[in-house]
């Protein structure tokens, strides 16, 4: 199987800024160093994903151990699905047209598969919908029909104390209707991102609001180098109450 060109994260990056996508793939040495806060945020996201797996116990973990295993995992997940050996798969890899996704949880009930993506947030954003739409596009075009697609996020009304009650901690929201409306856009944007990566140099995109929305770009130090640091965008504070709760687990 050929190596993928875009993953879910790089697709979202390219949708935010094609220059950021190009630099990420072609000039990674220009990237800003990750702050301790950013590293901690990544770890929190993984912890929330692990907790959410308890909503669907007994699954097989197919998380790739390294980038070199992505295509191998795609084939292995396909084998599990075709041989019907497991009804719950964690970190399931799918690939189509050199687009790769690793879905948090996929569950089969009554011979139909439902996808679940976990977010360590208190709600659903437009970017999360786009994220889900990209995953749906890749999974269904790879040959697997999905009955539904859910986003799982933290219940904003949950009281963060003691050991978590998993069923109360999380909220499941179907986003299938929104996801279906975005399928043509996903195809068009994927083509545009692939074309960008074939350029000889990065596209001439000036610094602007896209540098921080929806996520702070990690090439701000490069793209904003001619702008006084006093004018550089500042990171926003997170939900510290929830993050403190995770540290206790």
Protein backbone atom coordinates (compact mmCIF):
# COMPACT_ATOMS: atom_id res chain seq x y z
CA UNK A 1 0.00 0.00 0.00
CA UNK A 2 1.32 3.44 -0.96
CA UNK A 3 2.21 5.94 1.76
CA UNK A 4 -0.39 8.54 2.61
CA UNK A 5 0.03 12.24 1.75
CA UNK A 6 -2.52 13.77 4.10
CA UNK A 7 -3.74 12.72 7.52
CA UNK A 8 -6.64 14.19 9.45
CA UNK A 9 -4.38 16.66 11.25
CA UNK A 10 -2.61 17.81 8.08
CA UNK A 11 -5.94 18.18 6.28
CA UNK A 12 -7.20 20.44 9.07
CA UNK A 13 -3.89 22.34 8.98
CA UNK A 14 -4.20 22.88 5.23
CA UNK A 15 -7.78 24.04 5.57
CA UNK A 16 -6.61 26.63 8.08
CA UNK A 17 -3.60 27.73 6.03
CA UNK A 18 -2.02 26.10 2.98
CA UNK A 19 1.29 27.77 3.77
CA UNK A 20 1.33 26.12 7.18
CA UNK A 21 0.67 22.77 5.53
CA UNK A 22 3.52 23.30 3.07
CA UNK A 23 5.98 24.32 5.80
CA UNK A 24 4.89 21.40 8.00
CA UNK A 25 5.63 18.90 5.22
CA UNK A 26 8.55 20.56 3.40
CA UNK A 27 10.25 22.86 5.93
CA UNK A 28 9.63 21.30 9.38
CA UNK A 29 12.92 22.72 10.72
CA UNK A 30 11.27 26.17 10.71
CA UNK A 31 8.68 25.05 13.26
CA UNK A 32 8.40 26.79 16.65
CA UNK A 33 9.36 24.75 19.69
CA UNK A 34 6.42 23.28 21.56
CA UNK A 35 5.82 24.89 24.92
CA UNK A 36 5.34 22.78 28.08
CA UNK A 37 1.68 23.87 28.03
CA UNK A 38 1.20 22.54 24.50
CA UNK A 39 2.87 19.24 25.33
CA UNK A 40 0.64 18.88 28.39
CA UNK A 41 -2.42 19.56 26.23
CA UNK A 42 -1.51 16.71 23.88
CA UNK A 43 -1.11 14.35 26.82
CA UNK A 44 -4.49 15.40 28.22
CA UNK A 45 -6.12 14.63 24.88
CA UNK A 46 -4.72 11.11 24.89
CA UNK A 47 -5.93 10.58 28.47
CA UNK A 48 -9.46 11.63 27.58
CA UNK A 49 -9.42 9.25 24.62
CA UNK A 50 -8.39 6.39 26.90
CA UNK A 51 -11.22 7.21 29.31
CA UNK A 52 -13.78 7.28 26.50
CA UNK A 53 -12.84 3.75 25.45
CA UNK A 54 -14.54 2.60 28.65
CA UNK A 55 -17.86 3.54 27.03
CA UNK A 56 -17.31 0.59 24.69
CA UNK A 57 -15.36 -2.05 26.65
CA UNK A 58 -13.74 -5.16 25.23
CA UNK A 59 -12.32 -3.65 22.06
CA UNK A 60 -9.02 -4.36 20.36
CA UNK A 61 -6.43 -1.58 20.37
CA UNK A 62 -4.99 -1.06 16.87
CA UNK A 63 -3.08 2.13 17.58
CA UNK A 64 -0.02 2.37 15.28
CA UNK A 65 3.14 2.27 17.37
CA UNK A 66 5.01 4.48 14.89
CA UNK A 67 4.34 6.31 11.60
CA UNK A 68 5.95 3.40 9.75
CA UNK A 69 3.05 1.17 10.86
CA UNK A 70 0.18 3.24 9.45
CA UNK A 71 -0.30 1.32 6.21
CA UNK A 72 0.20 -2.01 7.98
CA UNK A 73 -2.52 -1.08 10.47
CA UNK A 74 -4.88 -0.10 7.64
CA UNK A 75 -4.58 -3.63 6.24
CA UNK A 76 -4.93 -5.22 9.67
CA UNK A 77 -8.06 -3.23 10.52
CA UNK A 78 -9.53 -4.17 7.15
CA UNK A 79 -8.86 -7.83 7.94
CA UNK A 80 -10.55 -7.55 11.36
CA UNK A 81 -13.62 -6.00 9.78
CA UNK A 82 -13.86 -8.51 6.93
CA UNK A 83 -13.36 -11.54 9.20
CA UNK A 84 -15.76 -10.19 11.86
CA UNK A 85 -13.37 -11.05 14.69
CA UNK A 86 -14.07 -7.94 16.79
CA UNK A 87 -17.08 -5.65 17.21
CA UNK A 88 -15.15 -2.79 18.84
CA UNK A 89 -11.88 -1.38 17.52
CA UNK A 90 -9.88 1.41 19.16
CA UNK A 91 -7.60 3.62 17.03
CA UNK A 92 -8.74 2.10 13.73
CA UNK A 93 -6.76 3.16 10.66
CA UNK A 94 -8.31 3.70 7.22
CA UNK A 95 -6.85 5.01 3.98
CA UNK A 96 -8.27 6.20 0.65
CA UNK A 97 -6.63 8.10 -2.19
CA UNK A 98 -3.50 8.69 -0.04
CA UNK A 99 -5.65 10.18 2.75
CA UNK A 100 -5.25 8.57 6.17
CA UNK A 101 -7.37 8.66 9.32
CA UNK A 102 -7.04 6.93 12.69
CA UNK A 103 -10.51 6.85 14.23
CA UNK A 104 -10.77 6.79 18.02
CA UNK A 105 -13.49 4.12 18.26
CA UNK A 106 -15.56 2.13 15.78
CA UNK A 107 -18.37 -0.17 16.95
CA UNK A 108 -20.47 -2.79 15.18
CA UNK A 109 -24.03 -3.37 16.33
CA UNK A 110 -26.60 -5.41 14.39
CA UNK A 111 -24.10 -5.82 11.53
CA UNK A 112 -23.71 -2.03 11.12
CA UNK A 113 -20.67 0.09 12.00
CA UNK A 114 -20.80 3.39 13.88
CA UNK A 115 -17.85 5.78 14.23
CA UNK A 116 -16.94 7.70 17.38
CA UNK A 117 -14.35 10.47 17.62
CA UNK A 118 -13.38 11.77 21.09
CA UNK A 119 -12.67 15.42 21.88
CA UNK A 120 -11.22 16.73 25.15
CA UNK A 121 -13.53 19.74 25.07
CA UNK A 122 -16.81 20.83 26.62
CA UNK A 123 -18.60 21.21 23.29
CA UNK A 124 -18.48 20.83 19.52
CA UNK A 125 -16.88 23.34 17.18
CA UNK A 126 -17.09 23.79 13.41
CA UNK A 127 -13.56 22.41 13.15
CA UNK A 128 -14.60 19.24 14.95
CA UNK A 129 -17.40 18.80 12.40
CA UNK A 130 -14.89 19.27 9.57
CA UNK A 131 -12.58 16.80 11.30
CA UNK A 132 -15.41 14.24 11.43
CA UNK A 133 -16.35 14.92 7.80
CA UNK A 134 -12.80 14.16 6.66
CA UNK A 135 -12.81 10.90 8.60
CA UNK A 136 -16.21 9.92 7.21
CA UNK A 137 -14.99 10.68 3.67
CA UNK A 138 -11.93 8.45 4.02
CA UNK A 139 -13.65 5.60 5.86
CA UNK A 140 -16.66 5.30 3.56
CA UNK A 141 -14.64 5.70 0.37
CA UNK A 142 -12.26 3.01 1.61
CA UNK A 143 -15.23 0.64 1.41
CA UNK A 144 -16.84 0.61 4.86
CA UNK A 145 -20.40 1.88 5.16
CA UNK A 146 -21.14 3.80 8.37
CA UNK A 147 -24.55 3.87 10.01
CA UNK A 148 -23.71 7.02 11.99
CA UNK A 149 -20.89 9.26 13.15
CA UNK A 150 -20.72 10.59 16.69
CA UNK A 151 -18.51 13.11 18.40
CA UNK A 152 -17.89 12.44 22.09
CA UNK A 153 -17.05 15.38 24.33
CA UNK A 154 -16.90 16.21 28.03
CA UNK A 155 -20.23 16.91 29.69
CA UNK A 156 -20.06 20.62 30.70
CA UNK A 157 -22.44 19.93 33.61
CA UNK A 158 -20.33 17.16 35.08
CA UNK A 159 -18.98 17.73 38.60
CA UNK A 160 -15.22 17.03 38.48
CA UNK A 161 -14.62 15.29 41.79
CA UNK A 162 -13.61 11.82 42.86
CA UNK A 163 -13.28 8.93 40.42
CA UNK A 164 -15.09 9.67 37.13
CA UNK A 165 -18.47 8.14 36.28
CA UNK A 166 -17.76 7.46 32.62
CA UNK A 167 -21.37 7.42 31.41
CA UNK A 168 -21.99 10.82 33.01
CA UNK A 169 -18.61 12.31 32.12
CA UNK A 170 -19.15 12.12 28.35
CA UNK A 171 -21.78 13.32 25.90
CA UNK A 172 -22.33 11.61 22.52
CA UNK A 173 -23.64 13.75 19.67
CA UNK A 174 -24.49 12.50 16.18
CA UNK A 175 -23.01 14.80 13.52
CA UNK A 176 -23.89 12.66 10.50
CA UNK A 177 -26.22 15.23 8.94
CA UNK A 178 -23.56 17.97 9.05
CA UNK A 179 -20.84 15.58 7.91
CA UNK A 180 -22.75 14.51 4.80
CA UNK A 181 -23.14 18.12 3.69
CA UNK A 182 -19.35 18.57 3.71
CA UNK A 183 -18.33 15.60 1.57
CA UNK A 184 -17.87 17.56 -1.67
CA UNK A 185 -15.85 20.20 0.19
CA UNK A 186 -13.61 17.53 1.69
CA UNK A 187 -12.85 16.17 -1.76
CA UNK A 188 -12.12 19.63 -3.20
CA UNK A 189 -9.95 20.72 -0.26
CA UNK A 190 -7.99 17.47 -0.33
CA UNK A 191 -7.15 18.04 -4.00
CA UNK A 192 -6.11 21.62 -3.25
CA UNK A 193 -3.87 20.54 -0.38
CA UNK A 194 -2.18 17.88 -2.51
CA UNK A 195 -1.51 20.42 -5.26
CA UNK A 196 0.02 22.80 -2.72
CA UNK A 197 2.48 20.13 -1.62
CA UNK A 198 3.74 19.83 -5.21
CA UNK A 199 4.81 23.50 -5.33
CA UNK A 200 8.50 24.37 -5.43
CA UNK A 201 8.08 26.92 -2.63
CA UNK A 202 5.51 27.83 -0.03
CA UNK A 203 2.42 29.75 -1.19
CA UNK A 204 2.65 33.54 -0.62
CA UNK A 205 0.15 33.87 2.23
CA UNK A 206 0.56 36.84 4.55
CA UNK A 207 0.19 36.52 8.35
CA UNK A 208 -3.35 37.10 9.57
CA UNK A 209 -6.23 35.69 11.57
CA UNK A 210 -5.65 32.25 10.06
CA UNK A 211 -2.47 32.03 12.15
CA UNK A 212 -4.51 31.45 15.32
CA UNK A 213 -7.94 30.25 14.18
CA UNK A 214 -9.01 27.63 14.86
CA UNK A 215 -5.60 26.66 16.30
CA UNK A 216 -2.36 28.55 16.99
CA UNK A 217 0.04 27.76 14.16
CA UNK A 218 3.50 26.43 15.04
CA UNK A 219 5.16 28.50 12.31
CA UNK A 220 4.30 31.90 13.78
CA UNK A 221 7.97 32.52 14.60
CA UNK A 222 8.82 32.10 10.91
CA UNK A 223 5.89 33.88 9.29
CA UNK A 224 5.79 36.76 11.79
CA UNK A 225 9.55 37.32 12.03
CA UNK A 226 9.34 40.75 10.37
CA UNK A 227 6.59 41.86 12.75
CA UNK A 228 7.40 43.16 16.29
CA UNK A 229 6.88 40.44 18.91
CA UNK A 230 4.61 42.76 20.83
CA UNK A 231 2.11 42.31 17.99
CA UNK A 232 2.36 38.52 17.84
CA UNK A 233 -0.84 36.58 18.70
CA UNK A 234 -1.10 35.31 22.27
CA UNK A 235 -2.38 31.83 23.28
CA UNK A 236 -5.73 31.54 25.02
CA UNK A 237 -6.19 29.98 28.45
CA UNK A 238 -7.82 26.55 28.65
CA UNK A 239 -10.32 24.94 31.00
CA UNK A 240 -8.03 24.65 34.02
CA UNK A 241 -10.68 23.10 36.26
CA UNK A 242 -11.03 20.15 33.91
CA UNK A 243 -7.28 19.87 33.35
CA UNK A 244 -6.64 19.77 37.10
CA UNK A 245 -9.21 16.98 37.35
CA UNK A 246 -7.35 14.92 34.73
CA UNK A 247 -4.10 15.24 36.68
CA UNK A 248 -5.71 13.34 39.56
CA UNK A 249 -6.58 10.31 37.42
